[in-house]
Protein backbone atom coordinates (compact mmCIF):
# COMPACT_ATOMS: atom_id res chain seq x y z
CA MET A 1 -29.90 61.56 40.43
CA SER A 2 -28.82 64.92 41.72
CA GLN A 3 -25.12 65.27 42.40
CA GLY A 4 -24.21 68.65 43.80
CA PRO A 5 -20.59 69.74 43.33
CA ASN A 6 -20.05 70.39 47.03
CA VAL A 7 -21.38 67.14 48.43
CA PRO A 8 -18.99 65.82 51.11
CA ARG A 9 -17.61 62.38 50.32
CA GLY A 10 -16.17 61.56 53.69
CA THR A 11 -12.55 60.86 54.46
CA LYS A 12 -10.79 60.90 51.12
CA PRO A 13 -8.58 57.99 50.04
CA THR A 14 -4.83 58.40 50.11
CA ASN A 15 -2.79 58.67 46.94
CA SER A 16 -1.64 55.06 47.31
CA GLN A 17 -5.24 53.93 47.66
CA LYS A 18 -6.25 55.91 44.57
CA LEU A 19 -3.42 54.22 42.67
CA ALA A 20 -4.50 50.78 43.89
CA LEU A 21 -8.09 51.43 42.76
CA GLY A 22 -6.82 52.17 39.26
CA PRO A 23 -9.17 53.35 36.50
CA GLY A 24 -12.22 52.63 38.67
CA PHE A 25 -11.39 55.50 41.04
CA SER A 26 -13.28 58.12 39.02
CA LYS A 27 -16.57 56.20 39.07
CA LEU A 28 -16.08 55.26 42.72
CA SER A 29 -15.78 58.98 43.48
CA GLN A 30 -19.07 59.64 41.68
CA TYR A 31 -20.66 56.79 43.61
CA ALA A 32 -19.35 58.23 46.90
CA GLU A 33 -21.07 61.53 46.13
CA ILE A 34 -24.34 59.77 45.31
CA LEU A 35 -24.19 57.86 48.60
CA ALA A 36 -23.42 61.02 50.54
CA LYS A 37 -26.41 62.84 49.11
CA ASP A 38 -29.14 60.58 47.73
CA GLY A 39 -28.10 57.58 49.84
CA VAL A 40 -28.62 59.64 52.99
CA ARG A 41 -31.81 61.27 51.70
CA LEU A 42 -33.33 57.85 51.02
CA GLY A 43 -32.20 56.41 54.35
CA LEU A 44 -29.76 53.93 52.82
CA ILE A 45 -26.78 55.53 54.55
CA GLY A 46 -27.00 57.17 57.97
CA PRO A 47 -26.10 60.88 58.14
CA ARG A 48 -23.24 60.09 60.53
CA GLU A 49 -21.78 57.70 57.96
CA VAL A 50 -21.06 60.45 55.43
CA GLU A 51 -17.64 61.19 56.88
CA ARG A 52 -16.75 57.49 56.64
CA ILE A 53 -18.15 56.60 53.23
CA TRP A 54 -14.71 55.87 51.82
CA ASP A 55 -13.00 53.96 54.62
CA ARG A 56 -15.98 52.14 56.13
CA HIS A 57 -17.91 51.43 52.97
CA ILE A 58 -16.27 51.87 49.57
CA LEU A 59 -12.69 50.84 50.37
CA ASN A 60 -13.93 48.05 52.64
CA CYS A 61 -15.88 46.61 49.71
CA ALA A 62 -13.16 47.31 47.15
CA ALA A 63 -10.81 45.04 49.10
CA LEU A 64 -13.00 42.10 48.15
CA ALA A 65 -12.13 42.55 44.47
CA GLU A 66 -8.69 41.00 44.98
CA LEU A 67 -10.33 37.63 45.74
CA ILE A 68 -12.32 37.60 42.48
CA PRO A 69 -10.64 36.55 39.22
CA GLU A 70 -11.22 38.76 36.18
CA GLY A 71 -14.37 38.03 34.21
CA GLN A 72 -16.07 35.79 36.76
CA SER A 73 -19.80 36.28 37.18
CA ILE A 74 -20.93 37.75 40.49
CA ILE A 75 -24.20 37.75 42.44
CA ASP A 76 -24.47 40.18 45.35
CA ILE A 77 -27.29 39.35 47.76
CA GLY A 78 -29.00 41.93 49.96
CA SER A 79 -27.31 44.68 47.95
CA GLY A 80 -28.95 47.58 49.79
CA ALA A 81 -27.17 50.72 48.64
CA GLY A 82 -24.88 48.66 46.40
CA LEU A 83 -22.24 47.56 48.88
CA PRO A 84 -20.34 45.61 47.72
CA GLY A 85 -22.18 44.97 44.43
CA ILE A 86 -21.85 48.40 42.79
CA VAL A 87 -18.23 48.73 43.94
CA LEU A 88 -17.39 45.34 42.39
CA ALA A 89 -19.21 46.22 39.17
CA ILE A 90 -17.01 49.30 38.86
CA LEU A 91 -13.76 47.48 39.63
CA LYS A 92 -14.64 44.36 37.61
CA PRO A 93 -16.08 45.75 34.34
CA GLU A 94 -15.60 42.38 32.59
CA SER A 95 -17.79 40.61 35.15
CA LYS A 96 -21.55 40.39 34.98
CA VAL A 97 -22.81 41.54 38.38
CA THR A 98 -26.34 40.65 39.50
CA LEU A 99 -27.69 42.61 42.46
CA ILE A 100 -30.46 40.91 44.45
CA GLU A 101 -32.42 43.17 46.79
CA PRO A 102 -35.99 42.69 48.10
CA MET A 103 -36.94 46.34 48.73
CA GLN A 104 -38.36 48.41 45.86
CA ARG A 105 -36.92 51.66 47.19
CA ARG A 106 -33.45 50.17 47.11
CA THR A 107 -33.76 48.54 43.70
CA ASP A 108 -34.93 51.87 42.29
CA PHE A 109 -31.83 53.49 43.78
CA LEU A 110 -29.56 50.76 42.38
CA SER A 111 -31.11 51.14 38.92
CA GLN A 112 -30.54 54.87 38.95
CA VAL A 113 -26.96 54.53 40.20
CA SER A 114 -26.18 51.99 37.49
CA LYS A 115 -27.59 54.35 34.88
CA ASP A 116 -25.78 57.41 36.25
CA LEU A 117 -22.45 55.56 36.36
CA GLY A 118 -22.92 53.88 32.97
CA LEU A 119 -22.57 50.38 34.42
CA ILE A 120 -23.62 48.13 31.54
CA ASN A 121 -22.51 44.98 33.39
CA VAL A 122 -25.17 45.24 36.12
CA GLU A 123 -28.48 43.39 36.38
CA ILE A 124 -30.88 44.11 39.23
CA ILE A 125 -33.39 41.61 40.60
CA ARG A 126 -36.00 42.59 43.15
CA GLY A 127 -36.65 39.66 45.45
CA ARG A 128 -35.26 37.51 48.21
CA ALA A 129 -32.09 35.53 47.56
CA GLU A 130 -33.59 32.22 48.67
CA THR A 131 -36.29 32.37 45.95
CA GLN A 132 -33.94 32.98 43.01
CA LYS A 133 -32.92 30.49 40.33
CA VAL A 134 -29.95 32.44 38.96
CA LYS A 135 -26.38 31.24 39.48
CA ALA A 136 -22.89 32.76 39.34
CA GLN A 137 -19.30 31.80 39.99
CA ILE A 138 -19.05 34.18 42.96
CA VAL A 139 -21.77 35.14 45.47
CA THR A 140 -20.99 38.10 47.73
CA SER A 141 -22.61 39.75 50.72
CA ARG A 142 -21.93 42.26 53.45
CA ALA A 143 -23.74 42.64 56.76
CA VAL A 144 -26.70 40.59 55.53
CA ALA A 145 -27.13 37.81 58.10
CA PRO A 146 -25.27 35.42 60.43
CA LEU A 147 -23.16 32.92 58.49
CA ASN A 148 -25.40 29.89 59.07
CA LYS A 149 -28.35 31.69 57.44
CA LEU A 150 -26.14 33.27 54.80
CA MET A 151 -24.85 29.89 53.67
CA ALA A 152 -28.38 28.59 53.15
CA TRP A 153 -29.23 31.61 51.01
CA SER A 154 -25.95 31.92 49.12
CA LEU A 155 -24.71 28.42 48.25
CA PRO A 156 -27.70 27.47 46.04
CA LEU A 157 -26.78 30.45 43.83
CA VAL A 158 -23.15 29.34 43.41
CA GLU A 159 -22.09 27.36 40.37
CA LYS A 160 -20.16 24.16 41.05
CA GLY A 161 -16.55 25.08 41.79
CA GLY A 162 -17.56 28.62 42.69
CA LYS A 163 -17.35 30.50 45.96
CA VAL A 164 -19.28 32.49 48.53
CA LEU A 165 -17.39 35.57 49.73
CA ALA A 166 -18.94 37.12 52.83
CA ILE A 167 -17.43 40.26 54.32
CA LYS A 168 -17.39 39.77 58.08
CA GLY A 169 -15.92 41.51 61.07
CA GLU A 170 -14.14 40.35 64.18
CA LYS A 171 -16.78 37.67 64.87
CA ALA A 172 -16.00 35.76 61.67
CA GLN A 173 -14.38 32.82 63.48
CA GLU A 174 -17.21 32.64 66.00
CA GLU A 175 -19.82 32.62 63.23
CA LEU A 176 -17.90 29.96 61.35
CA GLU A 177 -17.88 27.74 64.44
CA GLU A 178 -21.64 28.17 64.81
CA ALA A 179 -22.16 27.26 61.14
CA LYS A 180 -20.04 24.07 61.23
CA LYS A 181 -23.07 21.78 61.40
CA GLU A 182 -24.58 23.38 58.29
CA LEU A 183 -21.21 23.20 56.52
CA VAL A 184 -20.79 19.48 57.25
CA SER A 185 -24.20 18.81 55.69
CA LEU A 186 -23.04 20.51 52.48
CA LYS A 187 -20.80 17.76 51.17
CA GLY A 188 -17.71 18.95 49.36
CA SER A 189 -17.93 22.53 50.62
CA THR A 190 -15.08 24.02 52.63
CA ALA A 191 -14.78 27.31 54.50
CA THR A 192 -11.76 29.45 55.31
CA ILE A 193 -11.23 32.89 56.76
CA LYS A 194 -9.20 35.23 54.62
CA THR A 195 -7.83 38.72 55.09
CA CYS A 196 -7.72 41.06 52.12
CA GLY A 197 -7.11 44.73 51.39
CA LEU A 198 -3.32 44.90 51.76
CA ALA A 199 -2.96 46.99 48.59
CA LEU A 200 -5.48 49.45 50.03
CA ASP A 201 -3.75 49.61 53.43
CA LEU A 202 -6.71 47.80 54.96
CA SER A 203 -7.41 44.54 56.74
CA VAL A 204 -10.80 43.17 55.73
CA THR A 205 -11.99 39.80 57.04
CA VAL A 206 -13.82 37.58 54.57
CA VAL A 207 -15.31 34.14 55.00
CA GLU A 208 -14.73 32.16 51.80
CA ILE A 209 -16.84 29.08 51.21
CA SER A 210 -15.88 26.93 48.21
CA LYS A 211 -18.65 24.87 46.69
CA GLY A 212 -17.60 21.35 45.83
């Protein structure tokens, strides 16, 4: 993929955020440039999002990493441009990260990004989450669907004792209330709302569903 040297990457992270991101910062910077150029060109990121690639997208997804133990397998459903899947693959190099995305244009992009960034821990599956037979300890998503639908798609992919981690906004509690009936039918599963991102000076709301 083309990566011009003068591609804007949006609002740059602070020094404390760079420190918190650790050795993954360099590859995250490369990824930010790819999103700002090829992501926009392919319609995966809106042109107005370029100035907010770091704070709205990359850092927002990076916050999720603190809820994932080292080495645990991850499935990211509806990966789109790779948020949060690619970000987690960079920050969790010991984890196998499977990206599930139904659109060919997006899977082609994800394949090229993985190649460009040298991410050997990434597998890409083109298809819908609800038709897959793969499983992982952690299943992630961001802006994919309301929680009641998301649970139906995500939980079958979670190994016993594993978790669904869904990045949500201010309506997380409301969505959780609406999904209570579905949650009750899933015996042994519990849901909580967590806030993460303190080390990155952020407050990111995540719905965590533990599979019994």
